[in-house]
Each structure stands twice: as C-alpha cells, then as structure tokens.
N, C-alpha and C. Protein backbone atom coordinates (compact mmCIF):
# COMPACT_ATOMS: atom_id res chain seq x y z
N UNK A 1 -57.07 117.81 122.67
CA UNK A 1 -56.07 118.87 122.82
C UNK A 1 -56.43 120.13 122.06
N UNK A 2 -56.16 121.20 122.79
CA UNK A 2 -56.53 122.51 122.19
C UNK A 2 -55.44 122.95 121.11
N UNK A 3 -55.76 123.98 120.39
CA UNK A 3 -54.83 124.46 119.44
C UNK A 3 -53.52 124.91 120.04
N UNK A 4 -53.70 125.60 121.16
CA UNK A 4 -52.47 126.13 121.86
C UNK A 4 -51.57 124.89 122.35
N UNK A 5 -52.20 123.85 122.79
CA UNK A 5 -51.49 122.62 123.20
C UNK A 5 -50.71 122.09 122.01
N UNK A 6 -51.38 121.94 120.88
CA UNK A 6 -50.74 121.34 119.70
C UNK A 6 -49.55 122.17 119.26
N UNK A 7 -49.84 123.55 119.18
CA UNK A 7 -48.70 124.42 118.79
C UNK A 7 -47.56 124.32 119.76
N UNK A 8 -47.82 124.35 121.04
CA UNK A 8 -46.74 124.25 122.07
C UNK A 8 -46.02 122.97 121.89
N UNK A 9 -46.74 121.83 121.68
CA UNK A 9 -46.07 120.54 121.60
C UNK A 9 -45.14 120.52 120.34
N UNK A 10 -45.62 121.04 119.21
CA UNK A 10 -44.82 121.11 118.02
C UNK A 10 -43.57 121.99 118.26
N UNK A 11 -43.79 123.09 118.83
CA UNK A 11 -42.66 124.06 119.06
C UNK A 11 -41.57 123.52 119.95
N UNK A 12 -42.05 122.85 121.08
CA UNK A 12 -41.09 122.28 122.01
C UNK A 12 -40.39 121.05 121.40
N UNK A 13 -41.07 120.39 120.52
CA UNK A 13 -40.46 119.27 119.85
C UNK A 13 -39.34 119.73 118.96
N UNK A 14 -39.59 120.82 118.25
CA UNK A 14 -38.54 121.38 117.28
C UNK A 14 -37.29 121.87 118.15
N UNK A 15 -37.60 122.52 119.26
CA UNK A 15 -36.46 123.02 120.12
C UNK A 15 -35.66 121.83 120.68
N UNK A 16 -36.39 120.76 121.16
CA UNK A 16 -35.69 119.56 121.62
C UNK A 16 -34.94 118.84 120.51
N UNK A 17 -35.49 118.76 119.40
CA UNK A 17 -34.75 118.12 118.25
C UNK A 17 -33.47 118.90 117.98
N UNK A 18 -33.54 120.18 117.92
CA UNK A 18 -32.28 120.96 117.73
C UNK A 18 -31.27 120.71 118.81
N UNK A 19 -31.77 120.65 120.01
CA UNK A 19 -30.88 120.51 121.19
C UNK A 19 -30.17 119.07 121.05
N UNK A 20 -31.03 118.04 120.80
CA UNK A 20 -30.52 116.70 120.72
C UNK A 20 -29.54 116.55 119.62
N UNK A 21 -29.87 117.01 118.44
CA UNK A 21 -28.93 116.95 117.29
C UNK A 21 -27.62 117.62 117.59
N UNK A 22 -27.67 118.70 118.30
CA UNK A 22 -26.46 119.45 118.60
C UNK A 22 -25.65 118.65 119.66
N UNK A 23 -26.32 118.00 120.67
CA UNK A 23 -25.69 117.19 121.72
C UNK A 23 -24.92 116.06 121.03
N UNK A 24 -25.62 115.44 120.07
CA UNK A 24 -25.03 114.24 119.37
C UNK A 24 -24.00 114.73 118.24
N UNK A 25 -23.79 115.98 118.18
CA UNK A 25 -22.82 116.56 117.23
C UNK A 25 -23.24 116.26 115.80
N UNK A 26 -24.49 116.14 115.51
CA UNK A 26 -24.97 115.97 114.22
C UNK A 26 -25.21 117.31 113.45
N UNK A 27 -25.46 118.36 114.18
CA UNK A 27 -25.51 119.66 113.70
C UNK A 27 -24.82 120.57 114.63
N UNK A 28 -24.19 121.69 114.17
CA UNK A 28 -23.53 122.62 114.95
C UNK A 28 -24.44 123.79 115.30
N UNK A 29 -24.12 124.54 116.40
CA UNK A 29 -24.87 125.67 116.71
C UNK A 29 -24.66 126.81 115.63
N UNK A 30 -23.68 126.65 114.80
CA UNK A 30 -23.41 127.60 113.69
C UNK A 30 -24.21 127.19 112.41
N UNK A 31 -24.91 126.11 112.47
CA UNK A 31 -25.66 125.58 111.35
C UNK A 31 -26.97 126.45 111.12
N UNK A 32 -27.29 126.55 109.83
CA UNK A 32 -28.54 127.26 109.55
C UNK A 32 -29.68 126.41 109.93
N UNK A 33 -29.53 125.05 109.89
CA UNK A 33 -30.67 124.21 110.39
C UNK A 33 -30.88 124.35 111.82
N UNK A 34 -29.86 124.49 112.64
CA UNK A 34 -30.03 124.67 114.05
C UNK A 34 -30.82 125.99 114.34
N UNK A 35 -30.39 127.09 113.62
CA UNK A 35 -31.10 128.32 113.76
C UNK A 35 -32.52 128.25 113.29
N UNK A 36 -32.74 127.57 112.19
CA UNK A 36 -34.15 127.41 111.66
C UNK A 36 -35.01 126.63 112.63
N UNK A 37 -34.50 125.54 113.25
CA UNK A 37 -35.29 124.76 114.20
C UNK A 37 -35.60 125.64 115.40
N UNK A 38 -34.59 126.40 115.87
CA UNK A 38 -34.83 127.23 116.99
C UNK A 38 -35.83 128.39 116.72
N UNK A 39 -35.73 128.98 115.58
CA UNK A 39 -36.70 130.02 115.16
C UNK A 39 -38.10 129.40 115.02
N UNK A 40 -38.25 128.36 114.42
CA UNK A 40 -39.57 127.72 114.20
C UNK A 40 -40.17 127.33 115.63
N UNK A 41 -39.36 126.68 116.45
CA UNK A 41 -39.83 126.18 117.73
C UNK A 41 -40.16 127.39 118.65
N UNK A 42 -39.32 128.35 118.70
CA UNK A 42 -39.67 129.52 119.56
C UNK A 42 -40.82 130.28 119.06
N UNK A 43 -40.99 130.41 117.70
CA UNK A 43 -42.22 131.10 117.26
C UNK A 43 -43.44 130.33 117.53
N UNK A 44 -43.48 129.01 117.42
CA UNK A 44 -44.67 128.25 117.75
C UNK A 44 -44.97 128.38 119.25
N UNK A 45 -43.91 128.20 120.06
CA UNK A 45 -44.13 128.31 121.54
C UNK A 45 -44.65 129.65 121.93
N UNK A 46 -44.02 130.68 121.26
CA UNK A 46 -44.46 132.04 121.70
C UNK A 46 -45.90 132.31 121.24
N UNK A 47 -46.31 131.85 120.09
CA UNK A 47 -47.67 132.03 119.66
C UNK A 47 -48.62 131.27 120.52
N UNK A 48 -48.22 130.03 120.93
CA UNK A 48 -49.04 129.21 121.82
C UNK A 48 -49.20 129.97 123.18
N UNK A 49 -48.12 130.50 123.68
CA UNK A 49 -48.21 131.29 124.94
C UNK A 49 -49.08 132.49 124.84
N UNK A 50 -49.07 133.14 123.68
CA UNK A 50 -49.95 134.26 123.44
C UNK A 50 -51.44 133.81 123.43
N UNK A 51 -51.72 132.68 122.85
CA UNK A 51 -53.05 132.23 122.80
C UNK A 51 -53.67 131.95 124.17
N UNK A 52 -52.78 131.52 125.16
CA UNK A 52 -53.27 131.25 126.49
C UNK A 52 -52.97 132.48 127.42
N UNK A 53 -52.53 133.57 126.82
CA UNK A 53 -52.25 134.85 127.49
C UNK A 53 -51.23 134.62 128.71
N UNK A 54 -50.18 133.87 128.43
CA UNK A 54 -49.08 133.75 129.30
C UNK A 54 -47.90 134.51 128.84
N UNK A 55 -47.92 135.78 129.09
CA UNK A 55 -47.01 136.85 128.50
C UNK A 55 -45.57 136.68 128.85
N UNK A 56 -45.13 136.25 130.04
CA UNK A 56 -43.71 136.03 130.29
C UNK A 56 -43.06 135.09 129.19
N UNK A 57 -43.84 134.02 128.84
CA UNK A 57 -43.30 133.08 127.90
C UNK A 57 -43.40 133.67 126.51
N UNK A 58 -44.35 134.52 126.21
CA UNK A 58 -44.38 135.13 124.96
C UNK A 58 -43.10 136.03 124.72
N UNK A 59 -42.75 136.75 125.82
CA UNK A 59 -41.52 137.57 125.77
C UNK A 59 -40.32 136.65 125.63
N UNK A 60 -40.21 135.64 126.40
CA UNK A 60 -39.06 134.73 126.39
C UNK A 60 -38.85 134.18 124.94
N UNK A 61 -39.92 133.65 124.39
CA UNK A 61 -39.90 133.04 123.01
C UNK A 61 -39.64 134.06 121.96
N UNK A 62 -40.14 135.28 122.10
CA UNK A 62 -39.94 136.36 121.15
C UNK A 62 -38.39 136.66 121.06
N UNK A 63 -37.80 136.75 122.27
CA UNK A 63 -36.34 137.02 122.32
C UNK A 63 -35.60 135.86 121.64
N UNK A 64 -35.99 134.62 121.99
CA UNK A 64 -35.34 133.43 121.45
C UNK A 64 -35.48 133.45 119.94
N UNK A 65 -36.68 133.73 119.41
CA UNK A 65 -36.91 133.74 117.95
C UNK A 65 -36.10 134.81 117.31
N UNK A 66 -36.04 136.00 117.92
CA UNK A 66 -35.21 137.07 117.31
C UNK A 66 -33.74 136.72 117.28
N UNK A 67 -33.25 136.07 118.32
CA UNK A 67 -31.82 135.67 118.39
C UNK A 67 -31.55 134.61 117.27
N UNK A 68 -32.54 133.67 117.08
CA UNK A 68 -32.36 132.71 116.05
C UNK A 68 -32.44 133.27 114.70
N UNK A 69 -33.26 134.33 114.52
CA UNK A 69 -33.45 134.96 113.18
C UNK A 69 -32.14 135.73 112.86
N UNK A 70 -31.60 136.44 113.86
CA UNK A 70 -30.29 137.12 113.64
C UNK A 70 -29.24 136.12 113.29
N UNK A 71 -29.18 135.03 113.95
CA UNK A 71 -28.18 134.03 113.67
C UNK A 71 -28.38 133.48 112.20
N UNK A 72 -29.62 133.25 111.90
CA UNK A 72 -29.91 132.77 110.52
C UNK A 72 -29.53 133.70 109.43
N UNK A 73 -29.76 134.99 109.65
CA UNK A 73 -29.35 136.05 108.68
C UNK A 73 -27.85 136.11 108.54
N UNK A 74 -27.08 135.92 109.69
CA UNK A 74 -25.61 135.93 109.60
C UNK A 74 -25.17 134.80 108.82
N UNK A 75 -25.80 133.65 108.86
CA UNK A 75 -25.36 132.47 108.11
C UNK A 75 -25.71 132.69 106.54
N UNK A 76 -26.79 133.26 106.28
CA UNK A 76 -27.12 133.54 104.89
C UNK A 76 -26.19 134.56 104.34
N UNK A 77 -25.96 135.61 105.01
CA UNK A 77 -25.07 136.67 104.43
C UNK A 77 -23.60 136.10 104.31
N UNK A 78 -23.18 135.26 105.27
CA UNK A 78 -21.85 134.71 105.19
C UNK A 78 -21.74 133.81 103.98
N UNK A 79 -22.77 132.97 103.70
CA UNK A 79 -22.71 132.12 102.54
C UNK A 79 -22.79 132.90 101.22
N UNK A 80 -23.51 133.96 101.20
CA UNK A 80 -23.56 134.88 100.06
C UNK A 80 -22.20 135.48 99.73
N UNK A 81 -21.50 135.94 100.79
CA UNK A 81 -20.20 136.47 100.59
C UNK A 81 -19.21 135.52 100.11
N UNK A 82 -19.26 134.20 100.64
CA UNK A 82 -18.30 133.17 100.27
C UNK A 82 -18.50 132.83 98.78
N UNK A 83 -19.73 132.71 98.30
CA UNK A 83 -20.05 132.29 96.96
C UNK A 83 -19.75 133.36 95.98
C-alpha cells in the first residue's frame, strides 16, 4: 500500500467512525469529538488526494475540514463562556 492509500484509509475510517457513532446516538453532531473526528478524517483524505493530484477531492475535503474546524472553535468558545 502506498502512503496516499494508508492516509486515505485512515481518514475515511475516522469519518465513518464519526458517522457510525452519531447514527447510534453515542455522540451528537454538536460534540467536539464529532468535529474532531471530521476534521482529522477530512484533513487526511484531503492530503491523500493532494498526493495523488486529485484536486476535486482536495477541494471537497478542504471545505469539510474548514467546516469541522469552525464547528470545533464554536464548541471551545461556548465551553469557555459557560465556565
């Protein structure tokens, strides 16, 4: 397996874990864990796509990672305000 294959496999696994845990109602889409899994998975998939020069997926995963990052910052700031 190439490096890009390993990175893509890890990234997709993280995305699917987040999806599965949400489906089973073990974590909420408002959870920082959900956002962290999505951010990590999208970043790995995006980098993997970059390595194989498949730019539509680089763009898709960059947008996905940015959305997860924004969501994560909202959770962190919300927790800071509450405490």
